[in-house]
C-alpha atoms as a PDB file:
ATOM      1  CA  UNK A   1      -2.135  -1.700  15.387  1.00  0.00           C
ATOM      2  CA  UNK A   2      -1.084  -3.634  18.472  1.00  0.00           C
ATOM      3  CA  UNK A   3      -0.910  -7.372  17.851  1.00  0.00           C
ATOM      4  CA  UNK A   4      -0.280  -8.505  21.409  1.00  0.00           C
ATOM      5  CA  UNK A   5       1.021  -7.341  24.740  1.00  0.00           C
ATOM      6  CA  UNK A   6       2.019  -8.989  27.974  1.00  0.00           C
ATOM      7  CA  UNK A   7       4.691 -11.293  29.215  1.00  0.00           C
ATOM      8  CA  UNK A   8       6.050 -14.187  27.236  1.00  0.00           C
ATOM      9  CA  UNK A   9       6.628 -17.465  29.019  1.00  0.00           C
ATOM     10  CA  UNK A  10       9.355 -19.663  27.612  1.00  0.00           C
ATOM     11  CA  UNK A  11       8.162 -23.233  27.741  1.00  0.00           C
ATOM     12  CA  UNK A  12      10.210 -26.232  26.702  1.00  0.00           C
ATOM     13  CA  UNK A  13       9.141 -27.474  23.263  1.00  0.00           C
ATOM     14  CA  UNK A  14       7.227 -30.734  23.360  1.00  0.00           C
ATOM     15  CA  UNK A  15       5.696 -30.182  26.786  1.00  0.00           C
ATOM     16  CA  UNK A  16       1.931 -30.264  27.227  1.00  0.00           C
ATOM     17  CA  UNK A  17       2.018 -26.647  28.404  1.00  0.00           C
ATOM     18  CA  UNK A  18       3.969 -25.602  25.312  1.00  0.00           C
ATOM     19  CA  UNK A  19       1.533 -27.455  23.054  1.00  0.00           C
ATOM     20  CA  UNK A  20      -1.475 -25.890  24.791  1.00  0.00           C
ATOM     21  CA  UNK A  21       0.126 -22.457  24.491  1.00  0.00           C
ATOM     22  CA  UNK A  22       0.823 -23.056  20.793  1.00  0.00           C
ATOM     23  CA  UNK A  23      -2.733 -24.243  20.152  1.00  0.00           C
ATOM     24  CA  UNK A  24      -4.142 -21.222  21.983  1.00  0.00           C
ATOM     25  CA  UNK A  25      -1.909 -18.938  19.934  1.00  0.00           C
ATOM     26  CA  UNK A  26      -3.025 -20.601  16.706  1.00  0.00           C
ATOM     27  CA  UNK A  27      -6.669 -20.295  17.743  1.00  0.00           C
ATOM     28  CA  UNK A  28      -6.209 -16.582  18.313  1.00  0.00           C
ATOM     29  CA  UNK A  29      -4.495 -16.133  14.953  1.00  0.00           C
ATOM     30  CA  UNK A  30      -7.202 -18.137  13.173  1.00  0.00           C
ATOM     31  CA  UNK A  31      -9.914 -15.966  14.774  1.00  0.00           C
ATOM     32  CA  UNK A  32      -8.140 -12.773  13.706  1.00  0.00           C
ATOM     33  CA  UNK A  33      -7.601 -14.085  10.189  1.00  0.00           C
ATOM     34  CA  UNK A  34     -11.262 -15.099   9.878  1.00  0.00           C
ATOM     35  CA  UNK A  35     -12.355 -11.597  10.874  1.00  0.00           C
ATOM     36  CA  UNK A  36      -9.954 -10.131   8.301  1.00  0.00           C
ATOM     37  CA  UNK A  37     -11.162 -12.604   5.670  1.00  0.00           C
ATOM     38  CA  UNK A  38     -14.773 -11.642   6.339  1.00  0.00           C
ATOM     39  CA  UNK A  39     -13.883  -7.950   6.001  1.00  0.00           C
ATOM     40  CA  UNK A  40     -12.046  -8.529   2.750  1.00  0.00           C
ATOM     41  CA  UNK A  41     -14.768 -10.793   1.346  1.00  0.00           C
ATOM     42  CA  UNK A  42     -17.454  -8.157   1.842  1.00  0.00           C
ATOM     43  CA  UNK A  43     -15.324  -5.281   0.560  1.00  0.00           C
ATOM     44  CA  UNK A  44     -15.806  -3.825  -2.919  1.00  0.00           C
ATOM     45  CA  UNK A  45     -12.211  -4.717  -3.789  1.00  0.00           C
ATOM     46  CA  UNK A  46     -13.020  -8.416  -3.257  1.00  0.00           C
ATOM     47  CA  UNK A  47     -14.117  -8.468  -6.892  1.00  0.00           C
ATOM     48  CA  UNK A  48     -10.758  -7.262  -8.210  1.00  0.00           C
ATOM     49  CA  UNK A  49      -7.964  -9.669  -9.183  1.00  0.00           C
ATOM     50  CA  UNK A  50      -5.747  -8.295  -6.405  1.00  0.00           C
ATOM     51  CA  UNK A  51      -8.526  -8.588  -3.835  1.00  0.00           C
ATOM     52  CA  UNK A  52      -9.304 -12.139  -4.923  1.00  0.00           C
ATOM     53  CA  UNK A  53      -5.622 -13.053  -4.661  1.00  0.00           C
ATOM     54  CA  UNK A  54      -5.391 -11.635  -1.143  1.00  0.00           C
ATOM     55  CA  UNK A  55      -8.548 -13.489  -0.107  1.00  0.00           C
ATOM     56  CA  UNK A  56      -7.199 -16.726  -1.557  1.00  0.00           C
ATOM     57  CA  UNK A  57      -3.838 -16.251   0.207  1.00  0.00           C
ATOM     58  CA  UNK A  58      -5.494 -15.570   3.563  1.00  0.00           C
ATOM     59  CA  UNK A  59      -7.832 -18.545   3.118  1.00  0.00           C
ATOM     60  CA  UNK A  60      -4.765 -20.722   2.528  1.00  0.00           C
ATOM     61  CA  UNK A  61      -3.088 -19.366   5.645  1.00  0.00           C
ATOM     62  CA  UNK A  62      -6.194 -20.147   7.708  1.00  0.00           C
ATOM     63  CA  UNK A  63      -6.294 -23.697   6.339  1.00  0.00           C
ATOM     64  CA  UNK A  64      -2.590 -24.191   7.067  1.00  0.00           C
ATOM     65  CA  UNK A  65      -3.009 -22.875  10.624  1.00  0.00           C
ATOM     66  CA  UNK A  66      -5.944 -25.249  11.214  1.00  0.00           C
ATOM     67  CA  UNK A  67      -3.882 -28.193   9.951  1.00  0.00           C
ATOM     68  CA  UNK A  68      -0.973 -27.178  12.173  1.00  0.00           C
ATOM     69  CA  UNK A  69      -3.330 -26.924  15.136  1.00  0.00           C
ATOM     70  CA  UNK A  70      -4.638 -30.436  14.447  1.00  0.00           C
ATOM     71  CA  UNK A  71      -1.080 -31.805  14.249  1.00  0.00           C
ATOM     72  CA  UNK A  72      -0.192 -30.165  17.567  1.00  0.00           C
ATOM     73  CA  UNK A  73      -3.269 -31.583  19.253  1.00  0.00           C
ATOM     74  CA  UNK A  74      -2.580 -35.050  17.820  1.00  0.00           C
ATOM     75  CA  UNK A  75       1.040 -34.978  18.954  1.00  0.00           C
ATOM     76  CA  UNK A  76       0.227 -33.745  22.469  1.00  0.00           C
ATOM     77  CA  UNK A  77       0.139 -37.351  23.671  1.00  0.00           C
ATOM     78  CA  UNK A  78       3.273 -38.444  21.870  1.00  0.00           C
ATOM     79  CA  UNK A  79       6.246 -36.363  22.913  1.00  0.00           C
ATOM     80  CA  UNK A  80       9.640 -36.890  21.314  1.00  0.00           C
ATOM     81  CA  UNK A  81      12.546 -36.929  23.747  1.00  0.00           C
ATOM     82  CA  UNK A  82      15.825 -35.532  22.458  1.00  0.00           C
ATOM     83  CA  UNK A  83      18.941 -36.677  24.223  1.00  0.00           C
END
Protein backbone atom coordinates (compact mmCIF):
# COMPACT_ATOMS: atom_id res chain seq x y z
CA UNK A 1 0.00 0.00 0.00
CA UNK A 2 1.26 3.47 -0.88
CA UNK A 3 0.60 5.99 1.87
CA UNK A 4 1.70 9.12 0.04
CA UNK A 5 3.82 10.33 -2.82
CA UNK A 6 5.11 13.66 -4.00
CA UNK A 7 7.49 16.30 -2.83
CA UNK A 8 7.88 17.34 0.76
CA UNK A 9 8.17 21.03 1.53
CA UNK A 10 10.11 21.92 4.65
CA UNK A 11 8.32 24.75 6.37
CA UNK A 12 9.53 26.48 9.50
CA UNK A 13 7.59 25.27 12.55
CA UNK A 14 5.16 27.82 13.91
CA UNK A 15 4.46 29.51 10.58
CA UNK A 16 0.91 29.76 9.29
CA UNK A 17 1.90 27.68 6.25
CA UNK A 18 3.37 24.98 8.49
CA UNK A 19 0.23 24.95 10.64
CA UNK A 20 -2.03 24.75 7.58
CA UNK A 21 0.09 21.92 6.18
CA UNK A 22 -0.08 20.09 9.52
CA UNK A 23 -3.85 20.53 9.75
CA UNK A 24 -4.28 19.29 6.18
CA UNK A 25 -2.11 16.28 6.96
CA UNK A 26 -4.12 15.52 10.09
CA UNK A 27 -7.37 15.85 8.14
CA UNK A 28 -6.12 13.33 5.61
CA UNK A 29 -5.05 10.91 8.34
CA UNK A 30 -8.38 11.29 10.15
CA UNK A 31 -10.27 10.54 6.91
CA UNK A 32 -8.18 7.43 6.28
CA UNK A 33 -8.59 6.26 9.86
CA UNK A 34 -12.37 6.77 9.72
CA UNK A 35 -12.57 4.64 6.58
CA UNK A 36 -10.49 1.94 8.28
CA UNK A 37 -12.63 2.19 11.42
CA UNK A 38 -15.80 1.78 9.37
CA UNK A 39 -14.32 -1.29 7.65
CA UNK A 40 -13.29 -2.84 10.94
CA UNK A 41 -16.61 -2.02 12.63
CA UNK A 42 -18.61 -3.82 9.95
CA UNK A 43 -16.27 -6.81 9.76
CA UNK A 44 -17.15 -10.14 11.39
CA UNK A 45 -14.03 -9.91 13.55
CA UNK A 46 -15.39 -6.71 15.14
CA UNK A 47 -17.17 -8.98 17.62
CA UNK A 48 -13.97 -10.67 18.80
CA UNK A 49 -11.92 -9.34 21.72
CA UNK A 50 -8.98 -8.61 19.41
CA UNK A 51 -11.21 -6.84 16.89
CA UNK A 52 -12.83 -4.77 19.63
CA UNK A 53 -9.41 -3.81 20.97
CA UNK A 54 -8.23 -2.70 17.54
CA UNK A 55 -11.41 -0.68 17.01
CA UNK A 56 -11.00 0.96 20.41
CA UNK A 57 -7.33 1.77 19.70
CA UNK A 58 -8.14 3.31 16.32
CA UNK A 59 -11.03 5.29 17.81
CA UNK A 60 -8.60 6.69 20.38
CA UNK A 61 -6.12 7.63 17.67
CA UNK A 62 -8.85 9.45 15.75
CA UNK A 63 -9.88 11.36 18.88
CA UNK A 64 -6.27 12.28 19.63
CA UNK A 65 -5.73 13.48 16.04
CA UNK A 66 -8.88 15.63 16.23
CA UNK A 67 -7.69 17.18 19.50
CA UNK A 68 -4.26 17.85 18.00
CA UNK A 69 -5.90 19.45 14.98
CA UNK A 70 -7.95 21.73 17.25
CA UNK A 71 -4.82 22.75 19.18
CA UNK A 72 -3.01 23.58 15.94
CA UNK A 73 -5.91 25.67 14.68
CA UNK A 74 -6.17 27.48 18.03
CA UNK A 75 -2.45 28.22 18.11
CA UNK A 76 -2.31 29.45 14.50
CA UNK A 77 -2.84 33.01 15.73
CA UNK A 78 -0.38 32.80 18.59
CA UNK A 79 3.08 31.90 17.36
CA UNK A 80 5.93 31.39 19.79
CA UNK A 81 9.20 33.01 18.77
CA UNK A 82 12.37 31.19 19.78
CA UNK A 83 15.50 33.26 19.98
